[in-house]
N, C-alpha and C. Protein backbone atom coordinates (compact mmCIF):
# COMPACT_ATOMS: atom_id res chain seq x y z
N MET A 1 -71.25 -69.65 105.59
CA MET A 1 -72.65 -69.88 105.88
C MET A 1 -73.51 -69.18 104.82
N GLU A 2 -74.55 -69.86 104.38
CA GLU A 2 -75.44 -69.32 103.36
C GLU A 2 -76.32 -68.22 103.95
N GLU A 3 -76.40 -67.10 103.21
CA GLU A 3 -77.29 -66.01 103.64
C GLU A 3 -78.72 -66.41 103.43
N ARG A 4 -79.63 -65.83 104.21
CA ARG A 4 -81.05 -66.08 104.00
C ARG A 4 -81.83 -64.80 104.25
N ASN A 5 -82.98 -64.73 103.67
CA ASN A 5 -83.84 -63.57 103.80
C ASN A 5 -84.71 -63.75 105.04
N ASN A 6 -84.46 -62.95 106.06
CA ASN A 6 -85.21 -63.05 107.32
C ASN A 6 -86.35 -62.04 107.42
N LEU A 7 -86.66 -61.37 106.33
CA LEU A 7 -87.74 -60.40 106.34
C LEU A 7 -89.08 -61.10 106.50
N TYR A 8 -89.99 -60.46 107.20
CA TYR A 8 -91.32 -61.02 107.39
C TYR A 8 -92.30 -60.28 106.48
N PRO A 9 -92.86 -60.96 105.48
CA PRO A 9 -93.76 -60.27 104.55
C PRO A 9 -95.14 -60.03 105.15
N ILE A 10 -95.66 -58.83 104.94
CA ILE A 10 -97.01 -58.52 105.37
C ILE A 10 -97.71 -57.75 104.25
N PHE A 11 -99.04 -57.76 104.26
CA PHE A 11 -99.82 -57.00 103.31
C PHE A 11 -100.59 -55.95 104.10
N LEU A 12 -100.23 -54.70 103.91
CA LEU A 12 -100.80 -53.60 104.68
C LEU A 12 -102.09 -53.09 104.05
N LYS A 13 -103.05 -52.75 104.88
CA LYS A 13 -104.28 -52.10 104.41
C LYS A 13 -103.98 -50.60 104.37
N ALA A 14 -103.39 -50.17 103.25
CA ALA A 14 -102.91 -48.79 103.13
C ALA A 14 -104.02 -47.76 103.29
N LYS A 15 -105.25 -48.17 103.02
CA LYS A 15 -106.39 -47.24 103.18
C LYS A 15 -106.55 -46.84 104.64
N GLN A 16 -106.14 -47.71 105.56
CA GLN A 16 -106.30 -47.45 106.99
C GLN A 16 -105.06 -46.80 107.61
N LEU A 17 -104.05 -46.57 106.79
CA LEU A 17 -102.80 -46.01 107.29
C LEU A 17 -102.50 -44.68 106.60
N LYS A 18 -101.61 -43.90 107.20
CA LYS A 18 -101.18 -42.65 106.57
C LYS A 18 -99.70 -42.76 106.26
N VAL A 19 -99.39 -42.52 104.99
CA VAL A 19 -98.02 -42.67 104.50
C VAL A 19 -97.46 -41.28 104.20
N LEU A 20 -96.22 -41.04 104.63
CA LEU A 20 -95.52 -39.80 104.32
C LEU A 20 -94.32 -40.12 103.45
N ILE A 21 -94.20 -39.39 102.36
CA ILE A 21 -93.01 -39.48 101.51
C ILE A 21 -92.27 -38.16 101.65
N VAL A 22 -91.00 -38.23 101.97
CA VAL A 22 -90.17 -37.02 102.10
C VAL A 22 -89.29 -36.94 100.87
N GLY A 23 -89.47 -35.89 100.10
CA GLY A 23 -88.72 -35.70 98.86
C GLY A 23 -89.67 -35.62 97.68
N GLY A 24 -89.26 -34.90 96.65
CA GLY A 24 -90.15 -34.70 95.50
C GLY A 24 -89.51 -35.02 94.17
N GLY A 25 -88.40 -35.72 94.18
CA GLY A 25 -87.69 -36.03 92.95
C GLY A 25 -88.16 -37.32 92.29
N PHE A 26 -87.31 -37.86 91.45
CA PHE A 26 -87.65 -39.05 90.68
C PHE A 26 -87.95 -40.25 91.58
N VAL A 27 -87.16 -40.45 92.62
CA VAL A 27 -87.36 -41.60 93.50
C VAL A 27 -88.70 -41.49 94.23
N ALA A 28 -89.05 -40.28 94.68
CA ALA A 28 -90.35 -40.07 95.33
C ALA A 28 -91.48 -40.40 94.37
N GLU A 29 -91.34 -39.95 93.14
CA GLU A 29 -92.36 -40.21 92.12
C GLU A 29 -92.49 -41.72 91.87
N GLU A 30 -91.36 -42.40 91.81
CA GLU A 30 -91.36 -43.85 91.59
C GLU A 30 -92.05 -44.58 92.75
N LYS A 31 -91.71 -44.20 93.98
CA LYS A 31 -92.31 -44.84 95.16
C LYS A 31 -93.81 -44.57 95.22
N LEU A 32 -94.23 -43.33 94.92
CA LEU A 32 -95.64 -42.99 94.90
C LEU A 32 -96.36 -43.81 93.83
N GLY A 33 -95.74 -43.95 92.67
CA GLY A 33 -96.34 -44.74 91.58
C GLY A 33 -96.55 -46.19 91.99
N PHE A 34 -95.54 -46.80 92.60
CA PHE A 34 -95.66 -48.20 93.06
C PHE A 34 -96.77 -48.32 94.11
N LEU A 35 -96.80 -47.37 95.04
CA LEU A 35 -97.79 -47.41 96.12
C LEU A 35 -99.20 -47.29 95.57
N LEU A 36 -99.43 -46.32 94.69
CA LEU A 36 -100.77 -46.12 94.14
C LEU A 36 -101.19 -47.25 93.20
N LYS A 37 -100.23 -47.84 92.50
CA LYS A 37 -100.57 -48.97 91.63
C LYS A 37 -101.07 -50.14 92.47
N SER A 38 -100.42 -50.38 93.59
CA SER A 38 -100.80 -51.50 94.44
C SER A 38 -101.98 -51.17 95.34
N SER A 39 -102.01 -49.94 95.85
CA SER A 39 -103.05 -49.52 96.80
C SER A 39 -103.59 -48.16 96.39
N PRO A 40 -104.46 -48.12 95.38
CA PRO A 40 -104.96 -46.83 94.89
C PRO A 40 -105.73 -46.02 95.92
N ASP A 41 -106.15 -46.66 97.01
CA ASP A 41 -106.90 -45.95 98.06
C ASP A 41 -106.02 -45.52 99.23
N ALA A 42 -104.70 -45.56 99.05
CA ALA A 42 -103.76 -45.16 100.11
C ALA A 42 -103.87 -43.66 100.38
N HIS A 43 -103.64 -43.29 101.63
CA HIS A 43 -103.60 -41.87 102.04
C HIS A 43 -102.13 -41.47 102.12
N VAL A 44 -101.72 -40.55 101.25
CA VAL A 44 -100.30 -40.20 101.14
C VAL A 44 -100.11 -38.69 101.23
N THR A 45 -99.08 -38.29 101.97
CA THR A 45 -98.64 -36.90 101.99
C THR A 45 -97.20 -36.88 101.51
N ILE A 46 -96.87 -35.93 100.66
CA ILE A 46 -95.48 -35.78 100.20
C ILE A 46 -95.02 -34.39 100.60
N VAL A 47 -93.86 -34.34 101.28
CA VAL A 47 -93.27 -33.07 101.70
C VAL A 47 -91.97 -32.87 100.94
N SER A 48 -91.89 -31.72 100.25
CA SER A 48 -90.69 -31.41 99.49
C SER A 48 -90.71 -29.94 99.10
N PRO A 49 -89.54 -29.32 98.99
CA PRO A 49 -89.52 -27.93 98.53
C PRO A 49 -89.85 -27.81 97.04
N MET A 50 -89.79 -28.91 96.30
CA MET A 50 -90.14 -28.93 94.88
C MET A 50 -90.72 -30.28 94.49
N PHE A 51 -91.52 -30.29 93.41
CA PHE A 51 -92.12 -31.54 92.92
C PHE A 51 -91.92 -31.63 91.41
N ARG A 52 -91.60 -32.81 90.96
CA ARG A 52 -91.54 -33.06 89.51
C ARG A 52 -92.95 -32.93 88.94
N GLU A 53 -93.03 -32.56 87.70
CA GLU A 53 -94.33 -32.44 87.03
C GLU A 53 -95.07 -33.77 87.05
N GLY A 54 -94.33 -34.86 86.84
CA GLY A 54 -94.93 -36.20 86.85
C GLY A 54 -95.52 -36.55 88.21
N THR A 55 -94.87 -36.10 89.29
CA THR A 55 -95.36 -36.36 90.64
C THR A 55 -96.68 -35.62 90.87
N VAL A 56 -96.74 -34.39 90.40
CA VAL A 56 -97.97 -33.59 90.56
C VAL A 56 -99.12 -34.28 89.83
N GLU A 57 -98.87 -34.77 88.61
CA GLU A 57 -99.92 -35.45 87.83
C GLU A 57 -100.33 -36.76 88.50
N LEU A 58 -99.34 -37.51 88.98
CA LEU A 58 -99.60 -38.79 89.65
C LEU A 58 -100.42 -38.56 90.92
N ALA A 59 -100.13 -37.50 91.64
CA ALA A 59 -100.84 -37.20 92.89
C ALA A 59 -102.33 -36.99 92.65
N LYS A 60 -102.70 -36.51 91.48
CA LYS A 60 -104.10 -36.26 91.15
C LYS A 60 -104.89 -37.56 91.02
N GLN A 61 -104.19 -38.69 90.87
CA GLN A 61 -104.84 -39.98 90.68
C GLN A 61 -105.23 -40.65 92.00
N GLY A 62 -104.84 -40.07 93.11
CA GLY A 62 -105.14 -40.70 94.40
C GLY A 62 -105.38 -39.68 95.48
N ASP A 63 -105.45 -40.17 96.71
CA ASP A 63 -105.63 -39.32 97.89
C ASP A 63 -104.24 -38.87 98.34
N VAL A 64 -103.67 -37.94 97.58
CA VAL A 64 -102.29 -37.50 97.81
C VAL A 64 -102.28 -35.99 98.07
N THR A 65 -101.65 -35.61 99.17
CA THR A 65 -101.50 -34.21 99.53
C THR A 65 -100.04 -33.81 99.31
N LEU A 66 -99.83 -32.76 98.53
CA LEU A 66 -98.48 -32.25 98.30
C LEU A 66 -98.25 -31.05 99.21
N VAL A 67 -97.19 -31.09 100.00
CA VAL A 67 -96.84 -29.99 100.90
C VAL A 67 -95.49 -29.44 100.44
N GLU A 68 -95.51 -28.22 99.93
CA GLU A 68 -94.29 -27.61 99.42
C GLU A 68 -93.54 -26.95 100.57
N ALA A 69 -92.60 -27.70 101.14
CA ALA A 69 -91.84 -27.22 102.29
C ALA A 69 -90.62 -28.10 102.51
N GLU A 70 -89.67 -27.56 103.27
CA GLU A 70 -88.53 -28.36 103.71
C GLU A 70 -89.03 -29.35 104.75
N TYR A 71 -88.34 -30.50 104.88
CA TYR A 71 -88.72 -31.49 105.89
C TYR A 71 -88.58 -30.90 107.29
N ASN A 72 -89.56 -31.21 108.12
CA ASN A 72 -89.52 -30.87 109.54
C ASN A 72 -90.20 -32.04 110.26
N LYS A 73 -89.71 -32.39 111.43
CA LYS A 73 -90.27 -33.55 112.14
C LYS A 73 -91.75 -33.38 112.45
N LYS A 74 -92.28 -32.17 112.42
CA LYS A 74 -93.71 -31.97 112.67
C LYS A 74 -94.57 -32.68 111.63
N TYR A 75 -94.01 -32.94 110.44
CA TYR A 75 -94.77 -33.61 109.39
C TYR A 75 -94.97 -35.10 109.67
N LEU A 76 -94.25 -35.64 110.63
CA LEU A 76 -94.40 -37.06 110.98
C LEU A 76 -95.69 -37.31 111.75
N LYS A 77 -96.21 -36.30 112.41
CA LYS A 77 -97.39 -36.45 113.27
C LYS A 77 -98.55 -37.08 112.49
N GLY A 78 -99.09 -38.16 113.06
CA GLY A 78 -100.24 -38.83 112.48
C GLY A 78 -99.91 -39.82 111.38
N HIS A 79 -98.64 -39.95 111.02
CA HIS A 79 -98.27 -40.90 109.96
C HIS A 79 -97.78 -42.22 110.56
N HIS A 80 -98.07 -43.30 109.85
CA HIS A 80 -97.69 -44.64 110.31
C HIS A 80 -96.44 -45.16 109.62
N ILE A 81 -96.26 -44.72 108.38
CA ILE A 81 -95.15 -45.21 107.54
C ILE A 81 -94.53 -44.01 106.84
N VAL A 82 -93.19 -43.99 106.78
CA VAL A 82 -92.48 -42.89 106.13
C VAL A 82 -91.46 -43.47 105.15
N VAL A 83 -91.41 -42.83 103.98
CA VAL A 83 -90.41 -43.19 102.98
C VAL A 83 -89.60 -41.93 102.68
N ALA A 84 -88.31 -41.96 102.96
CA ALA A 84 -87.43 -40.81 102.71
C ALA A 84 -86.70 -41.02 101.39
N THR A 85 -86.80 -40.02 100.49
CA THR A 85 -86.26 -40.18 99.14
C THR A 85 -85.40 -39.01 98.70
N THR A 86 -84.98 -38.16 99.64
CA THR A 86 -84.24 -36.96 99.22
C THR A 86 -82.84 -37.35 98.76
N ASN A 87 -82.20 -36.42 98.04
CA ASN A 87 -80.81 -36.66 97.62
C ASN A 87 -79.83 -36.08 98.64
N LYS A 88 -80.34 -35.69 99.81
CA LYS A 88 -79.51 -35.16 100.89
C LYS A 88 -79.45 -36.20 102.01
N GLN A 89 -78.31 -36.85 102.15
CA GLN A 89 -78.18 -37.92 103.13
C GLN A 89 -78.42 -37.44 104.56
N GLU A 90 -78.05 -36.19 104.86
CA GLU A 90 -78.27 -35.68 106.22
C GLU A 90 -79.76 -35.53 106.52
N VAL A 91 -80.55 -35.19 105.51
CA VAL A 91 -82.01 -35.10 105.71
C VAL A 91 -82.58 -36.51 105.89
N ASN A 92 -82.17 -37.44 105.05
CA ASN A 92 -82.65 -38.82 105.17
C ASN A 92 -82.30 -39.42 106.53
N ALA A 93 -81.08 -39.14 107.01
CA ALA A 93 -80.65 -39.65 108.31
C ALA A 93 -81.50 -39.04 109.43
N LYS A 94 -81.84 -37.77 109.29
CA LYS A 94 -82.68 -37.09 110.27
C LYS A 94 -84.08 -37.71 110.28
N VAL A 95 -84.63 -37.96 109.09
CA VAL A 95 -85.95 -38.60 108.99
C VAL A 95 -85.92 -39.95 109.69
N TYR A 96 -84.88 -40.74 109.41
CA TYR A 96 -84.74 -42.06 110.02
C TYR A 96 -84.71 -41.94 111.55
N LYS A 97 -83.87 -41.05 112.05
CA LYS A 97 -83.72 -40.88 113.51
C LYS A 97 -85.05 -40.44 114.14
N HIS A 98 -85.72 -39.49 113.51
CA HIS A 98 -86.99 -39.01 114.05
C HIS A 98 -88.05 -40.12 114.06
N CYS A 99 -88.08 -40.92 113.01
CA CYS A 99 -89.06 -42.03 112.93
C CYS A 99 -88.77 -43.10 113.98
N ARG A 100 -87.51 -43.45 114.13
CA ARG A 100 -87.16 -44.49 115.11
C ARG A 100 -87.55 -44.03 116.53
N LYS A 101 -87.36 -42.75 116.81
CA LYS A 101 -87.69 -42.20 118.12
C LYS A 101 -89.19 -42.28 118.39
N ARG A 102 -90.00 -42.22 117.32
CA ARG A 102 -91.46 -42.20 117.44
C ARG A 102 -92.09 -43.56 117.11
N SER A 103 -91.29 -44.58 116.90
CA SER A 103 -91.78 -45.92 116.53
C SER A 103 -92.62 -45.91 115.25
N ILE A 104 -92.19 -45.11 114.28
CA ILE A 104 -92.84 -45.07 112.96
C ILE A 104 -91.98 -45.89 112.01
N LEU A 105 -92.61 -46.78 111.25
CA LEU A 105 -91.86 -47.57 110.27
C LEU A 105 -91.30 -46.65 109.19
N VAL A 106 -90.03 -46.85 108.83
CA VAL A 106 -89.36 -45.96 107.90
C VAL A 106 -88.54 -46.75 106.87
N ASN A 107 -88.51 -46.20 105.66
CA ASN A 107 -87.68 -46.72 104.58
C ASN A 107 -86.92 -45.55 104.00
N VAL A 108 -85.60 -45.62 104.06
CA VAL A 108 -84.78 -44.60 103.40
C VAL A 108 -84.29 -45.24 102.10
N ALA A 109 -84.76 -44.69 100.99
CA ALA A 109 -84.50 -45.28 99.67
C ALA A 109 -83.00 -45.48 99.44
N ASP A 110 -82.67 -46.67 98.94
CA ASP A 110 -81.29 -47.04 98.60
C ASP A 110 -80.33 -46.95 99.79
N ASN A 111 -80.83 -47.20 100.99
CA ASN A 111 -79.99 -47.18 102.17
C ASN A 111 -80.48 -48.26 103.15
N PRO A 112 -80.21 -49.54 102.85
CA PRO A 112 -80.74 -50.65 103.65
C PRO A 112 -80.56 -50.54 105.17
N PRO A 113 -79.43 -50.05 105.68
CA PRO A 113 -79.33 -49.95 107.15
C PRO A 113 -80.36 -49.00 107.76
N TYR A 114 -80.91 -48.10 106.96
CA TYR A 114 -81.90 -47.13 107.43
C TYR A 114 -83.31 -47.53 107.01
N CYS A 115 -83.56 -48.81 106.91
CA CYS A 115 -84.88 -49.30 106.49
C CYS A 115 -85.46 -50.29 107.49
N ASP A 116 -86.71 -50.06 107.88
CA ASP A 116 -87.44 -51.06 108.66
C ASP A 116 -88.14 -52.03 107.73
N PHE A 117 -88.30 -51.64 106.47
CA PHE A 117 -88.98 -52.45 105.47
C PHE A 117 -88.46 -52.07 104.09
N TYR A 118 -88.66 -52.98 103.14
CA TYR A 118 -88.35 -52.71 101.74
C TYR A 118 -89.64 -52.77 100.94
N MET A 119 -89.67 -52.06 99.85
CA MET A 119 -90.82 -52.10 98.96
C MET A 119 -90.42 -53.01 97.79
N GLY A 120 -90.93 -54.24 97.80
CA GLY A 120 -90.51 -55.24 96.83
C GLY A 120 -91.31 -55.19 95.53
N GLY A 121 -91.00 -56.14 94.66
CA GLY A 121 -91.75 -56.29 93.42
C GLY A 121 -93.12 -56.89 93.73
N ILE A 122 -94.15 -56.43 93.02
CA ILE A 122 -95.52 -56.87 93.30
C ILE A 122 -96.23 -57.26 92.02
N VAL A 123 -96.90 -58.41 92.07
CA VAL A 123 -97.74 -58.87 90.96
C VAL A 123 -99.16 -58.95 91.48
N THR A 124 -100.10 -58.33 90.78
CA THR A 124 -101.50 -58.35 91.20
C THR A 124 -102.38 -58.84 90.07
N LYS A 125 -103.20 -59.83 90.37
CA LYS A 125 -104.23 -60.29 89.43
C LYS A 125 -105.51 -60.46 90.24
N GLY A 126 -106.35 -59.42 90.23
CA GLY A 126 -107.58 -59.46 91.02
C GLY A 126 -107.27 -59.52 92.50
N ASN A 127 -107.77 -60.55 93.17
CA ASN A 127 -107.55 -60.73 94.61
C ASN A 127 -106.20 -61.35 94.94
N VAL A 128 -105.49 -61.83 93.93
CA VAL A 128 -104.21 -62.49 94.16
C VAL A 128 -103.09 -61.47 94.03
N LYS A 129 -102.24 -61.43 95.06
CA LYS A 129 -101.11 -60.52 95.05
C LYS A 129 -99.89 -61.29 95.51
N VAL A 130 -98.81 -61.21 94.74
CA VAL A 130 -97.56 -61.87 95.08
C VAL A 130 -96.51 -60.78 95.28
N ALA A 131 -95.86 -60.79 96.43
CA ALA A 131 -94.80 -59.83 96.71
C ALA A 131 -93.45 -60.54 96.65
N ILE A 132 -92.45 -59.85 96.11
CA ILE A 132 -91.14 -60.44 95.89
C ILE A 132 -90.08 -59.61 96.59
N SER A 133 -89.23 -60.27 97.35
CA SER A 133 -88.15 -59.58 98.05
C SER A 133 -86.81 -60.24 97.72
N THR A 134 -85.80 -59.40 97.53
CA THR A 134 -84.43 -59.91 97.38
C THR A 134 -83.59 -59.45 98.58
N ASN A 135 -84.28 -59.18 99.70
CA ASN A 135 -83.60 -58.76 100.92
C ASN A 135 -82.87 -57.43 100.72
N GLY A 136 -83.38 -56.61 99.81
CA GLY A 136 -82.77 -55.31 99.55
C GLY A 136 -81.50 -55.36 98.73
N LYS A 137 -81.15 -56.54 98.24
CA LYS A 137 -79.87 -56.70 97.54
C LYS A 137 -79.95 -56.45 96.04
N SER A 138 -81.11 -56.73 95.41
CA SER A 138 -81.18 -56.58 93.96
C SER A 138 -82.59 -56.26 93.49
N PRO A 139 -82.94 -54.97 93.48
CA PRO A 139 -84.26 -54.58 92.97
C PRO A 139 -84.47 -55.03 91.51
N THR A 140 -83.41 -55.10 90.74
CA THR A 140 -83.52 -55.53 89.35
C THR A 140 -83.99 -56.99 89.27
N THR A 141 -83.48 -57.84 90.14
CA THR A 141 -83.92 -59.24 90.17
C THR A 141 -85.38 -59.32 90.57
N ALA A 142 -85.79 -58.51 91.55
CA ALA A 142 -87.21 -58.49 91.95
C ALA A 142 -88.08 -58.06 90.78
N LYS A 143 -87.62 -57.11 90.01
CA LYS A 143 -88.36 -56.63 88.83
C LYS A 143 -88.52 -57.76 87.81
N ARG A 144 -87.44 -58.49 87.54
CA ARG A 144 -87.49 -59.59 86.56
C ARG A 144 -88.39 -60.72 87.06
N LEU A 145 -88.33 -61.02 88.34
CA LEU A 145 -89.21 -62.05 88.91
C LEU A 145 -90.67 -61.62 88.83
N ARG A 146 -90.92 -60.33 89.06
CA ARG A 146 -92.28 -59.80 88.94
C ARG A 146 -92.79 -60.02 87.51
N GLN A 147 -91.96 -59.71 86.53
CA GLN A 147 -92.36 -59.91 85.12
C GLN A 147 -92.63 -61.39 84.85
N PHE A 148 -91.81 -62.26 85.43
CA PHE A 148 -91.99 -63.70 85.25
C PHE A 148 -93.35 -64.14 85.81
N PHE A 149 -93.65 -63.73 87.04
CA PHE A 149 -94.91 -64.14 87.67
C PHE A 149 -96.12 -63.52 86.98
N GLU A 150 -95.98 -62.33 86.44
CA GLU A 150 -97.09 -61.74 85.68
C GLU A 150 -97.45 -62.62 84.49
N ASP A 151 -96.42 -63.21 83.87
CA ASP A 151 -96.64 -64.09 82.72
C ASP A 151 -97.17 -65.46 83.13
N VAL A 152 -96.68 -65.98 84.25
CA VAL A 152 -96.98 -67.35 84.66
C VAL A 152 -98.34 -67.50 85.34
N LEU A 153 -98.73 -66.52 86.14
CA LEU A 153 -100.03 -66.62 86.83
C LEU A 153 -101.16 -66.57 85.80
N PRO A 154 -102.05 -67.54 85.83
CA PRO A 154 -103.13 -67.55 84.83
C PRO A 154 -104.07 -66.36 85.02
N GLU A 155 -104.62 -65.89 83.90
CA GLU A 155 -105.52 -64.74 83.94
C GLU A 155 -106.77 -65.04 84.78
N ASN A 156 -107.18 -66.31 84.84
CA ASN A 156 -108.41 -66.66 85.57
C ASN A 156 -108.16 -67.00 87.03
N VAL A 157 -106.98 -66.68 87.56
CA VAL A 157 -106.67 -67.02 88.95
C VAL A 157 -107.64 -66.31 89.91
N ASP A 158 -108.08 -65.10 89.57
CA ASP A 158 -109.01 -64.38 90.44
C ASP A 158 -110.36 -65.09 90.48
N GLU A 159 -110.79 -65.58 89.36
CA GLU A 159 -112.06 -66.33 89.29
C GLU A 159 -111.98 -67.57 90.19
N LEU A 160 -110.84 -68.23 90.15
CA LEU A 160 -110.62 -69.41 90.99
C LEU A 160 -110.72 -69.04 92.47
N VAL A 161 -110.09 -67.95 92.86
CA VAL A 161 -110.10 -67.51 94.25
C VAL A 161 -111.53 -67.19 94.71
N ILE A 162 -112.26 -66.50 93.87
CA ILE A 162 -113.65 -66.13 94.21
C ILE A 162 -114.51 -67.38 94.37
N ASN A 163 -114.36 -68.33 93.46
CA ASN A 163 -115.13 -69.57 93.54
C ASN A 163 -114.76 -70.40 94.77
N LEU A 164 -113.46 -70.44 95.10
CA LEU A 164 -113.03 -71.17 96.29
C LEU A 164 -113.55 -70.52 97.56
N ASN A 165 -113.65 -69.19 97.55
CA ASN A 165 -114.19 -68.48 98.70
C ASN A 165 -115.67 -68.84 98.89
N LYS A 166 -116.41 -68.92 97.80
CA LYS A 166 -117.83 -69.32 97.88
C LYS A 166 -117.94 -70.75 98.40
N TYR A 167 -117.08 -71.64 97.89
CA TYR A 167 -117.09 -73.04 98.31
C TYR A 167 -116.75 -73.15 99.80
N ARG A 168 -115.75 -72.37 100.23
CA ARG A 168 -115.32 -72.40 101.63
C ARG A 168 -116.49 -72.08 102.57
N LYS A 169 -117.35 -71.16 102.16
CA LYS A 169 -118.48 -70.76 103.00
C LYS A 169 -119.54 -71.86 103.12
N THR A 170 -119.53 -72.84 102.21
CA THR A 170 -120.52 -73.92 102.25
C THR A 170 -120.03 -75.13 103.04
N ILE A 171 -118.74 -75.19 103.35
CA ILE A 171 -118.18 -76.35 104.04
C ILE A 171 -118.62 -76.37 105.49
N LYS A 172 -119.06 -77.51 105.94
CA LYS A 172 -119.47 -77.69 107.34
C LYS A 172 -118.29 -78.24 108.14
N GLY A 173 -118.34 -78.04 109.44
CA GLY A 173 -117.30 -78.59 110.31
C GLY A 173 -116.48 -77.50 110.96
N ASP A 174 -115.51 -77.94 111.78
CA ASP A 174 -114.66 -76.97 112.48
C ASP A 174 -113.54 -76.49 111.54
N PHE A 175 -112.71 -75.62 112.05
CA PHE A 175 -111.64 -75.00 111.25
C PHE A 175 -110.74 -76.05 110.60
N GLU A 176 -110.30 -77.03 111.38
CA GLU A 176 -109.39 -78.06 110.86
C GLU A 176 -110.04 -78.86 109.74
N GLN A 177 -111.32 -79.21 109.89
CA GLN A 177 -112.02 -79.96 108.85
C GLN A 177 -112.13 -79.14 107.56
N LYS A 178 -112.40 -77.85 107.71
CA LYS A 178 -112.51 -76.98 106.54
C LYS A 178 -111.17 -76.89 105.82
N VAL A 179 -110.10 -76.71 106.59
CA VAL A 179 -108.76 -76.62 106.00
C VAL A 179 -108.43 -77.90 105.26
N GLU A 180 -108.74 -79.04 105.87
CA GLU A 180 -108.46 -80.33 105.25
C GLU A 180 -109.21 -80.48 103.92
N LYS A 181 -110.49 -80.10 103.89
CA LYS A 181 -111.28 -80.20 102.66
C LYS A 181 -110.75 -79.26 101.59
N LEU A 182 -110.39 -78.04 101.97
CA LEU A 182 -109.85 -77.09 101.00
C LEU A 182 -108.49 -77.53 100.48
N ASN A 183 -107.67 -78.09 101.36
CA ASN A 183 -106.37 -78.61 100.93
C ASN A 183 -106.53 -79.72 99.90
N GLU A 184 -107.46 -80.61 100.17
CA GLU A 184 -107.72 -81.71 99.24
C GLU A 184 -108.25 -81.18 97.90
N PHE A 185 -109.16 -80.24 97.98
CA PHE A 185 -109.79 -79.69 96.79
C PHE A 185 -108.80 -78.94 95.90
N THR A 186 -107.83 -78.24 96.53
CA THR A 186 -106.89 -77.41 95.76
C THR A 186 -105.55 -78.10 95.47
N LYS A 187 -105.40 -79.33 95.91
CA LYS A 187 -104.13 -80.06 95.72
C LYS A 187 -103.70 -80.07 94.26
N GLY A 188 -104.64 -80.22 93.35
CA GLY A 188 -104.33 -80.31 91.93
C GLY A 188 -103.73 -79.03 91.35
N LEU A 189 -103.88 -77.93 92.05
CA LEU A 189 -103.34 -76.66 91.53
C LEU A 189 -101.84 -76.66 91.43
N ILE A 190 -101.17 -77.39 92.35
CA ILE A 190 -99.71 -77.34 92.37
C ILE A 190 -99.03 -78.66 92.01
N GLU A 191 -99.81 -79.68 91.70
CA GLU A 191 -99.20 -80.94 91.31
C GLU A 191 -98.50 -80.78 89.98
N LYS A 192 -97.30 -81.33 89.88
CA LYS A 192 -96.54 -81.24 88.64
C LYS A 192 -97.14 -82.22 87.64
N LYS A 193 -97.25 -81.76 86.44
CA LYS A 193 -97.81 -82.60 85.37
C LYS A 193 -96.74 -83.59 84.90
N GLU A 194 -97.15 -84.82 84.72
CA GLU A 194 -96.22 -85.84 84.23
C GLU A 194 -96.06 -85.68 82.72
N ALA A 195 -94.84 -85.78 82.23
CA ALA A 195 -94.58 -85.60 80.79
C ALA A 195 -94.90 -86.87 80.01
């Protein structure tokens, strides 16, 4: 039987949520970098007994609080999403168990069974954002697809979105009529060109 990706993609308003990263090494720095690149207004706390110099510098670019301490479940309080990145599997397992008990979404880096979500490849051009998932099987493929979409999406796609939003506000009728008009208007965007 062919495998399929059953993940449900969502776009989180990170500004309205509190994110906790457990660990201060390279993986924590990488996850923080991805998060701030996509959501520069995210509220993030990082708990670790040590921090890389790059993490400290990156933290200055956003609303990031660094807590120099060993992980303790008390740090979960008030957080909605947790990413565990330590190199100690027993700590990561503890974070996972504590989060599951409190119904907090958790991602243990490089450990798919301990993940409620994956952080996929992301392409952003203005208001347009494309997220890519390989079901946790190949981050490298997600990275290559991200590079492909960065090249393929036209630079003026944001202008198009803004103009369509203005047009949408002028359309009269009920929801179905508006959808029908917008579908007709945007049909040409995806039609294949005849050679």
